Amino acid sequence: MGRKWNNIKEKKASKDANTSKVYAKFGVEIYVVAKKGEPDPESNRALKVVLERAKTYNVPKAIIDRALEKAKGSGDENYVELRYEGFGPSGSMIVVDALTNNVNRTAPLVRSTFSKNGGNMGVSGSVTYMFDPTAVIGVEGKTADEVMELLIEADLDVRDVLEEDEAVIVYAEPDQFHAVQEAFRGAGITEFTVAELTLLPQNYVALPEDAQAQFEKLIDALEELDDVQQVYHNVDSEE
């Protein structure tokens, strides 16, 4: 399971390289989630998740506040949540989550991005059955044993706790996201290296060098699309 965090970390590093686009996407996501419920994270748990994740990407407070203010009434943009599934080189599997105010624009863009970069779109359900929704929360300054003891005291039975790259990573059920964070906060830990609700593949595949290069080009192209919020895949980046 250890390689799962590495893939998330690489995705974070890729996004960090283009912060203006990342911040813009977070602005849209915060607006949509706040507009759908309440613009208060204490009463809107989905919003609280997004804000926790935004914090790990160092999204400026001004961008967050602007999105929340827009959701309180001044914004009238309507966004649709879409999920696309497809295949990359050598049978690699990819899931793309998007937020768009123009479905007729987004679907052809995602499809053409797949086809231009050695992939192809699949039908709904062709890929996601191989991925598990997962809460991933990471902290520093603790050992895996210390974190496990902390979670046991909080009566939390999570999927796994691993020490990876100077951090301890907790893999949990999605509905345990807030409970795990509260357990950490109860122990005085308020900073997280990762705080994601994500899709993790049940199995990873390793690609040959030429296919790996093409795959990375495809992933980069998908993440560059303005409407695309998240891209998940099953390629083992450590190989």
C-alpha atoms as a PDB file:
ATOM      1  CA  MET A   1       0.000   0.000   0.000  1.00  0.00           C
ATOM      2  CA  GLY A   2       2.937   2.339   0.491  1.00  0.00           C
ATOM      3  CA  ARG A   3       3.105   3.362  -3.141  1.00  0.00           C
ATOM      4  CA  LYS A   4      -0.339   4.891  -2.931  1.00  0.00           C
ATOM      5  CA  TRP A   5       0.897   7.917  -1.007  1.00  0.00           C
ATOM      6  CA  ASN A   6       3.780   8.353  -3.446  1.00  0.00           C
ATOM      7  CA  ASN A   7       1.323   8.751  -6.310  1.00  0.00           C
ATOM      8  CA  ILE A   8      -0.644  11.351  -4.368  1.00  0.00           C
ATOM      9  CA  LYS A   9       2.577  13.135  -3.459  1.00  0.00           C
ATOM     10  CA  GLU A  10       3.639  13.253  -7.103  1.00  0.00           C
ATOM     11  CA  LYS A  11       0.255  14.663  -8.027  1.00  0.00           C
ATOM     12  CA  LYS A  12       0.697  17.359  -5.382  1.00  0.00           C
ATOM     13  CA  ALA A  13       4.177  18.181  -6.682  1.00  0.00           C
ATOM     14  CA  SER A  14       2.830  18.461 -10.212  1.00  0.00           C
ATOM     15  CA  LYS A  15       0.108  20.838  -9.079  1.00  0.00           C
ATOM     16  CA  ASP A  16       2.569  22.861  -7.015  1.00  0.00           C
ATOM     17  CA  ALA A  17       4.458  23.564 -10.240  1.00  0.00           C
ATOM     18  CA  ASN A  18       1.477  25.501 -11.607  1.00  0.00           C
ATOM     19  CA  THR A  19       0.008  27.225  -8.587  1.00  0.00           C
ATOM     20  CA  SER A  20      -2.146  29.786 -10.403  1.00  0.00           C
ATOM     21  CA  LYS A  21      -4.105  27.047 -12.170  1.00  0.00           C
ATOM     22  CA  VAL A  22      -4.347  25.012  -8.973  1.00  0.00           C
ATOM     23  CA  TYR A  23      -5.690  27.977  -7.028  1.00  0.00           C
ATOM     24  CA  ALA A  24      -8.246  28.733  -9.744  1.00  0.00           C
ATOM     25  CA  LYS A  25      -9.508  25.144  -9.650  1.00  0.00           C
ATOM     26  CA  PHE A  26      -9.781  25.224  -5.877  1.00  0.00           C
ATOM     27  CA  GLY A  27     -11.720  28.478  -6.157  1.00  0.00           C
ATOM     28  CA  VAL A  28     -14.277  26.800  -8.411  1.00  0.00           C
ATOM     29  CA  GLU A  29     -14.511  23.697  -6.226  1.00  0.00           C
ATOM     30  CA  ILE A  30     -14.970  25.697  -3.026  1.00  0.00           C
ATOM     31  CA  TYR A  31     -17.659  27.833  -4.680  1.00  0.00           C
ATOM     32  CA  VAL A  32     -19.550  24.789  -5.992  1.00  0.00           C
ATOM     33  CA  VAL A  33     -19.448  22.852  -2.705  1.00  0.00           C
ATOM     34  CA  ALA A  34     -20.373  25.918  -0.656  1.00  0.00           C
ATOM     35  CA  LYS A  35     -23.189  26.812  -3.053  1.00  0.00           C
ATOM     36  CA  LYS A  36     -24.577  23.286  -2.902  1.00  0.00           C
ATOM     37  CA  GLY A  37     -24.830  23.346   0.895  1.00  0.00           C
ATOM     38  CA  GLU A  38     -24.001  26.038   3.414  1.00  0.00           C
ATOM     39  CA  PRO A  39     -20.950  28.317   3.027  1.00  0.00           C
ATOM     40  CA  ASP A  40     -19.973  27.360   6.581  1.00  0.00           C
ATOM     41  CA  PRO A  41     -17.562  24.410   6.942  1.00  0.00           C
ATOM     42  CA  GLU A  42     -18.897  23.604  10.389  1.00  0.00           C
ATOM     43  CA  SER A  43     -22.321  22.767   8.932  1.00  0.00           C
ATOM     44  CA  ASN A  44     -21.150  21.655   5.484  1.00  0.00           C
ATOM     45  CA  ARG A  45     -18.886  18.633   5.891  1.00  0.00           C
ATOM     46  CA  ALA A  46     -18.109  18.406   2.172  1.00  0.00           C
ATOM     47  CA  LEU A  47     -16.895  22.003   2.253  1.00  0.00           C
ATOM     48  CA  LYS A  48     -14.768  21.220   5.300  1.00  0.00           C
ATOM     49  CA  VAL A  49     -13.045  18.433   3.356  1.00  0.00           C
ATOM     50  CA  VAL A  50     -12.267  20.753   0.443  1.00  0.00           C
ATOM     51  CA  LEU A  51     -10.912  23.441   2.755  1.00  0.00           C
ATOM     52  CA  GLU A  52      -8.704  20.947   4.575  1.00  0.00           C
ATOM     53  CA  ARG A  53      -7.288  19.781   1.244  1.00  0.00           C
ATOM     54  CA  ALA A  54      -6.818  23.373   0.070  1.00  0.00           C
ATOM     55  CA  LYS A  55      -4.761  24.031   3.185  1.00  0.00           C
ATOM     56  CA  THR A  56      -2.290  21.270   2.261  1.00  0.00           C
ATOM     57  CA  TYR A  57      -1.834  22.955  -1.146  1.00  0.00           C
ATOM     58  CA  ASN A  58      -1.269  26.343   0.483  1.00  0.00           C
ATOM     59  CA  VAL A  59      -4.228  27.975  -1.266  1.00  0.00           C
ATOM     60  CA  PRO A  60      -4.253  31.667  -0.228  1.00  0.00           C
ATOM     61  CA  LYS A  61      -6.953  32.754   2.203  1.00  0.00           C
ATOM     62  CA  ALA A  62      -8.021  35.512  -0.202  1.00  0.00           C
ATOM     63  CA  ILE A  63      -8.972  32.950  -2.849  1.00  0.00           C
ATOM     64  CA  ILE A  64     -10.901  30.851  -0.338  1.00  0.00           C
ATOM     65  CA  ASP A  65     -12.732  33.874   1.080  1.00  0.00           C
ATOM     66  CA  ARG A  66     -13.617  35.144  -2.394  1.00  0.00           C
ATOM     67  CA  ALA A  67     -15.115  31.773  -3.365  1.00  0.00           C
ATOM     68  CA  LEU A  68     -17.121  31.603  -0.127  1.00  0.00           C
ATOM     69  CA  GLU A  69     -18.439  35.134  -0.542  1.00  0.00           C
ATOM     70  CA  LYS A  70     -19.443  34.357  -4.104  1.00  0.00           C
ATOM     71  CA  ALA A  71     -21.352  31.295  -2.882  1.00  0.00           C
ATOM     72  CA  LYS A  72     -23.262  33.336  -0.307  1.00  0.00           C
ATOM     73  CA  GLY A  73     -25.377  34.893  -2.999  1.00  0.00           C
ATOM     74  CA  SER A  74     -23.497  36.969  -5.509  1.00  0.00           C
ATOM     75  CA  GLY A  75     -22.544  34.027  -7.716  1.00  0.00           C
ATOM     76  CA  ASP A  76     -25.065  32.563 -10.148  1.00  0.00           C
ATOM     77  CA  GLU A  77     -22.846  30.219 -12.162  1.00  0.00           C
ATOM     78  CA  ASN A  78     -24.134  26.674 -12.428  1.00  0.00           C
ATOM     79  CA  TYR A  79     -21.561  23.901 -12.463  1.00  0.00           C
ATOM     80  CA  VAL A  80     -22.085  20.216 -13.150  1.00  0.00           C
ATOM     81  CA  GLU A  81     -19.972  17.449 -11.620  1.00  0.00           C
ATOM     82  CA  LEU A  82     -18.831  14.942 -14.231  1.00  0.00           C
ATOM     83  CA  ARG A  83     -16.737  11.792 -14.139  1.00  0.00           C
ATOM     84  CA  TYR A  84     -14.968  10.338 -17.160  1.00  0.00           C
ATOM     85  CA  GLU A  85     -13.268   6.971 -17.317  1.00  0.00           C
ATOM     86  CA  GLY A  86     -10.683   5.773 -19.769  1.00  0.00           C
ATOM     87  CA  PHE A  87      -7.551   3.861 -20.605  1.00  0.00           C
ATOM     88  CA  GLY A  88      -4.011   5.027 -21.182  1.00  0.00           C
ATOM     89  CA  PRO A  89      -1.011   3.275 -22.725  1.00  0.00           C
ATOM     90  CA  SER A  90      -0.591  -0.449 -22.018  1.00  0.00           C
ATOM     91  CA  GLY A  91      -4.049  -0.750 -20.509  1.00  0.00           C
ATOM     92  CA  SER A  92      -3.482   1.736 -17.690  1.00  0.00           C
ATOM     93  CA  MET A  93      -6.699   2.969 -16.079  1.00  0.00           C
ATOM     94  CA  ILE A  94      -7.637   6.601 -15.546  1.00  0.00           C
ATOM     95  CA  VAL A  95     -10.532   8.364 -13.823  1.00  0.00           C
ATOM     96  CA  VAL A  96     -11.136  12.067 -14.454  1.00  0.00           C
ATOM     97  CA  ASP A  97     -13.360  14.237 -12.253  1.00  0.00           C
ATOM     98  CA  ALA A  98     -14.488  17.565 -13.668  1.00  0.00           C
ATOM     99  CA  LEU A  99     -16.537  20.597 -12.717  1.00  0.00           C
ATOM    100  CA  THR A 100     -17.947  22.475 -15.670  1.00  0.00           C
ATOM    101  CA  ASN A 101     -20.424  25.186 -16.566  1.00  0.00           C
ATOM    102  CA  ASN A 102     -20.512  23.884 -20.146  1.00  0.00           C
ATOM    103  CA  VAL A 103     -20.910  20.134 -20.588  1.00  0.00           C
ATOM    104  CA  ASN A 104     -20.806  20.455 -24.364  1.00  0.00           C
ATOM    105  CA  ARG A 105     -17.314  21.915 -24.050  1.00  0.00           C
ATOM    106  CA  THR A 106     -15.841  19.565 -21.471  1.00  0.00           C
ATOM    107  CA  ALA A 107     -16.740  16.126 -22.813  1.00  0.00           C
ATOM    108  CA  PRO A 108     -15.189  16.652 -26.277  1.00  0.00           C
ATOM    109  CA  LEU A 109     -12.073  18.190 -24.696  1.00  0.00           C
ATOM    110  CA  VAL A 110     -11.517  15.244 -22.386  1.00  0.00           C
ATOM    111  CA  ARG A 111     -12.186  12.766 -25.183  1.00  0.00           C
ATOM    112  CA  SER A 112      -9.802  14.459 -27.598  1.00  0.00           C
ATOM    113  CA  THR A 113      -7.126  14.723 -24.900  1.00  0.00           C
ATOM    114  CA  PHE A 114      -7.306  10.971 -24.398  1.00  0.00           C
ATOM    115  CA  SER A 115      -7.165  10.198 -28.103  1.00  0.00           C
ATOM    116  CA  LYS A 116      -4.327  12.652 -28.868  1.00  0.00           C
ATOM    117  CA  ASN A 117      -2.134  11.179 -26.151  1.00  0.00           C
ATOM    118  CA  GLY A 118      -2.382   7.445 -26.678  1.00  0.00           C
ATOM    119  CA  GLY A 119      -5.516   6.775 -24.665  1.00  0.00           C
ATOM    120  CA  ASN A 120      -9.213   6.287 -25.205  1.00  0.00           C
ATOM    121  CA  MET A 121     -12.389   7.041 -23.301  1.00  0.00           C
ATOM    122  CA  GLY A 122     -14.362   4.211 -21.771  1.00  0.00           C
ATOM    123  CA  VAL A 123     -18.007   3.909 -20.838  1.00  0.00           C
ATOM    124  CA  SER A 124     -19.292   4.768 -17.385  1.00  0.00           C
ATOM    125  CA  GLY A 125     -18.272   2.069 -14.912  1.00  0.00           C
ATOM    126  CA  SER A 126     -15.513   0.613 -17.086  1.00  0.00           C
ATOM    127  CA  VAL A 127     -12.741   1.738 -14.730  1.00  0.00           C
ATOM    128  CA  THR A 128     -14.038   2.949 -11.370  1.00  0.00           C
ATOM    129  CA  TYR A 129     -14.848  -0.553 -10.157  1.00  0.00           C
ATOM    130  CA  MET A 130     -11.067  -1.060  -9.886  1.00  0.00           C
ATOM    131  CA  PHE A 131     -10.666   1.912  -7.521  1.00  0.00           C
ATOM    132  CA  ASP A 132     -11.652   2.371  -3.876  1.00  0.00           C
ATOM    133  CA  PRO A 133     -12.783   5.708  -2.383  1.00  0.00           C
ATOM    134  CA  THR A 134     -10.305   6.365   0.429  1.00  0.00           C
ATOM    135  CA  ALA A 135      -9.493   8.981   3.034  1.00  0.00           C
ATOM    136  CA  VAL A 136      -5.736   9.638   3.147  1.00  0.00           C
ATOM    137  CA  ILE A 137      -4.389  11.738   6.015  1.00  0.00           C
ATOM    138  CA  GLY A 138      -0.716  12.291   6.751  1.00  0.00           C
ATOM    139  CA  VAL A 139       1.168  13.798   9.672  1.00  0.00           C
ATOM    140  CA  GLU A 140       4.781  14.317  10.666  1.00  0.00           C
ATOM    141  CA  GLY A 141       6.473  14.023  14.050  1.00  0.00           C
ATOM    142  CA  LYS A 142       4.855  10.726  15.049  1.00  0.00           C
ATOM    143  CA  THR A 143       5.684   7.064  14.546  1.00  0.00           C
ATOM    144  CA  ALA A 144       3.214   4.609  13.069  1.00  0.00           C
ATOM    145  CA  ASP A 145       2.869   2.922  16.470  1.00  0.00           C
ATOM    146  CA  GLU A 146       2.074   6.247  18.138  1.00  0.00           C
ATOM    147  CA  VAL A 147      -0.540   7.067  15.513  1.00  0.00           C
ATOM    148  CA  MET A 148      -2.073   3.609  15.785  1.00  0.00           C
ATOM    149  CA  GLU A 149      -2.343   3.968  19.570  1.00  0.00           C
ATOM    150  CA  LEU A 150      -3.924   7.401  19.124  1.00  0.00           C
ATOM    151  CA  LEU A 151      -6.515   5.994  16.710  1.00  0.00           C
ATOM    152  CA  ILE A 152      -7.293   3.042  18.957  1.00  0.00           C
ATOM    153  CA  GLU A 153      -7.915   5.429  21.857  1.00  0.00           C
ATOM    154  CA  ALA A 154     -10.336   7.278  19.598  1.00  0.00           C
ATOM    155  CA  ASP A 155     -12.064   3.943  18.807  1.00  0.00           C
ATOM    156  CA  LEU A 156     -11.140   4.197  15.115  1.00  0.00           C
ATOM    157  CA  ASP A 157     -10.463   1.048  13.098  1.00  0.00           C
ATOM    158  CA  VAL A 158      -8.801   2.287   9.886  1.00  0.00           C
ATOM    159  CA  ARG A 159      -7.522   0.377   6.851  1.00  0.00           C
ATOM    160  CA  ASP A 160      -3.812   0.938   7.409  1.00  0.00           C
ATOM    161  CA  VAL A 161      -1.182   3.131   9.061  1.00  0.00           C
ATOM    162  CA  LEU A 162       2.233   3.330   7.385  1.00  0.00           C
ATOM    163  CA  GLU A 163       5.427   5.288   7.772  1.00  0.00           C
ATOM    164  CA  GLU A 164       6.313   6.741   4.375  1.00  0.00           C
ATOM    165  CA  ASP A 165       8.865   9.425   3.448  1.00  0.00           C
ATOM    166  CA  GLU A 166       9.203  10.973   6.923  1.00  0.00           C
ATOM    167  CA  ALA A 167       5.437  11.052   7.402  1.00  0.00           C
ATOM    168  CA  VAL A 168       2.865   8.697   8.848  1.00  0.00           C
ATOM    169  CA  ILE A 169      -0.002   8.064   6.448  1.00  0.00           C
ATOM    170  CA  VAL A 170      -3.436   6.883   7.565  1.00  0.00           C
ATOM    171  CA  TYR A 171      -5.615   5.095   5.006  1.00  0.00           C
ATOM    172  CA  ALA A 172      -9.229   5.088   6.162  1.00  0.00           C
ATOM    173  CA  GLU A 173     -12.812   4.816   4.991  1.00  0.00           C
ATOM    174  CA  PRO A 174     -14.112   8.064   3.458  1.00  0.00           C
ATOM    175  CA  ASP A 175     -16.621   8.563   6.273  1.00  0.00           C
ATOM    176  CA  GLN A 176     -13.743   8.450   8.792  1.00  0.00           C
ATOM    177  CA  PHE A 177     -12.006  11.512   7.310  1.00  0.00           C
ATOM    178  CA  HIS A 178     -13.164  13.988   9.946  1.00  0.00           C
ATOM    179  CA  ALA A 179     -12.933  11.529  12.833  1.00  0.00           C
ATOM    180  CA  VAL A 180      -9.279  10.760  12.057  1.00  0.00           C
ATOM    181  CA  GLN A 181      -8.460  14.465  11.891  1.00  0.00           C
ATOM    182  CA  GLU A 182     -10.269  15.106  15.171  1.00  0.00           C
ATOM    183  CA  ALA A 183      -8.293  12.311  16.806  1.00  0.00           C
ATOM    184  CA  PHE A 184      -5.085  14.016  15.694  1.00  0.00           C
ATOM    185  CA  ARG A 185      -6.303  17.414  16.854  1.00  0.00           C
ATOM    186  CA  GLY A 186      -7.146  15.920  20.226  1.00  0.00           C
ATOM    187  CA  ALA A 187      -3.477  14.985  20.468  1.00  0.00           C
ATOM    188  CA  GLY A 188      -2.378  18.505  19.570  1.00  0.00           C
ATOM    189  CA  ILE A 189      -1.668  17.820  15.868  1.00  0.00           C
ATOM    190  CA  THR A 190      -3.265  20.433  13.622  1.00  0.00           C
ATOM    191  CA  GLU A 191      -1.046  20.374  10.507  1.00  0.00           C
ATOM    192  CA  PHE A 192      -1.418  17.647   7.896  1.00  0.00           C
ATOM    193  CA  THR A 193       0.955  16.772   5.073  1.00  0.00           C
ATOM    194  CA  VAL A 194      -1.961  15.333   3.121  1.00  0.00           C
ATOM    195  CA  ALA A 195      -5.716  15.448   3.667  1.00  0.00           C
ATOM    196  CA  GLU A 196      -7.488  13.881   0.718  1.00  0.00           C
ATOM    197  CA  LEU A 197     -10.651  12.058  -0.159  1.00  0.00           C
ATOM    198  CA  THR A 198      -9.365  10.221  -3.176  1.00  0.00           C
ATOM    199  CA  LEU A 199      -9.682   7.147  -5.377  1.00  0.00           C
ATOM    200  CA  LEU A 200      -6.937   4.570  -4.926  1.00  0.00           C
ATOM    201  CA  PRO A 201      -6.507   1.629  -7.306  1.00  0.00           C
ATOM    202  CA  GLN A 202      -6.941  -1.877  -5.979  1.00  0.00           C
ATOM    203  CA  ASN A 203      -3.890  -2.934  -7.971  1.00  0.00           C
ATOM    204  CA  TYR A 204      -1.004  -1.035  -9.532  1.00  0.00           C
ATOM    205  CA  VAL A 205       0.593  -1.649 -12.918  1.00  0.00           C
ATOM    206  CA  ALA A 206       4.141  -0.896 -14.034  1.00  0.00           C
ATOM    207  CA  LEU A 207       4.639   0.456 -17.553  1.00  0.00           C
ATOM    208  CA  PRO A 208       7.623  -0.002 -19.856  1.00  0.00           C
ATOM    209  CA  GLU A 209       9.724   3.129 -20.258  1.00  0.00           C
ATOM    210  CA  ASP A 210       8.239   4.260 -23.597  1.00  0.00           C
ATOM    211  CA  ALA A 211       4.671   3.721 -22.379  1.00  0.00           C
ATOM    212  CA  GLN A 212       5.463   5.508 -19.111  1.00  0.00           C
ATOM    213  CA  ALA A 213       6.557   8.633 -20.978  1.00  0.00           C
ATOM    214  CA  GLN A 214       3.382   8.613 -23.073  1.00  0.00           C
ATOM    215  CA  PHE A 215       1.265   7.989 -19.991  1.00  0.00           C
ATOM    216  CA  GLU A 216       2.785  10.962 -18.141  1.00  0.00           C
ATOM    217  CA  LYS A 217       2.120  13.153 -21.171  1.00  0.00           C
ATOM    218  CA  LEU A 218      -1.524  12.069 -21.138  1.00  0.00           C
ATOM    219  CA  ILE A 219      -1.917  12.743 -17.397  1.00  0.00           C
ATOM    220  CA  ASP A 220      -0.282  16.177 -17.738  1.00  0.00           C
ATOM    221  CA  ALA A 221      -2.582  17.065 -20.629  1.00  0.00           C
ATOM    222  CA  LEU A 222      -5.694  16.020 -18.705  1.00  0.00           C
ATOM    223  CA  GLU A 223      -4.663  17.977 -15.609  1.00  0.00           C
ATOM    224  CA  GLU A 224      -4.040  21.046 -17.760  1.00  0.00           C
ATOM    225  CA  LEU A 225      -7.715  21.202 -18.774  1.00  0.00           C
ATOM    226  CA  ASP A 226      -9.423  24.006 -16.872  1.00  0.00           C
ATOM    227  CA  ASP A 227     -12.545  21.943 -16.139  1.00  0.00           C
ATOM    228  CA  VAL A 228     -10.636  18.956 -14.746  1.00  0.00           C
ATOM    229  CA  GLN A 229     -10.354  18.895 -10.958  1.00  0.00           C
ATOM    230  CA  GLN A 230      -8.832  15.487 -10.230  1.00  0.00           C
ATOM    231  CA  VAL A 231      -7.127  12.733 -12.211  1.00  0.00           C
ATOM    232  CA  TYR A 232      -6.694   9.272 -10.675  1.00  0.00           C
ATOM    233  CA  HIS A 233      -4.779   6.340 -12.145  1.00  0.00           C
ATOM    234  CA  ASN A 234      -3.366   2.894 -11.383  1.00  0.00           C
ATOM    235  CA  VAL A 235       0.208   3.328 -12.625  1.00  0.00           C
ATOM    236  CA  ASP A 236       2.992   2.596 -10.171  1.00  0.00           C
ATOM    237  CA  SER A 237       5.252   5.626 -10.391  1.00  0.00           C
ATOM    238  CA  GLU A 238       8.012   3.964  -8.371  1.00  0.00           C
ATOM    239  CA  GLU A 239       8.904   1.487 -11.064  1.00  0.00           C
END
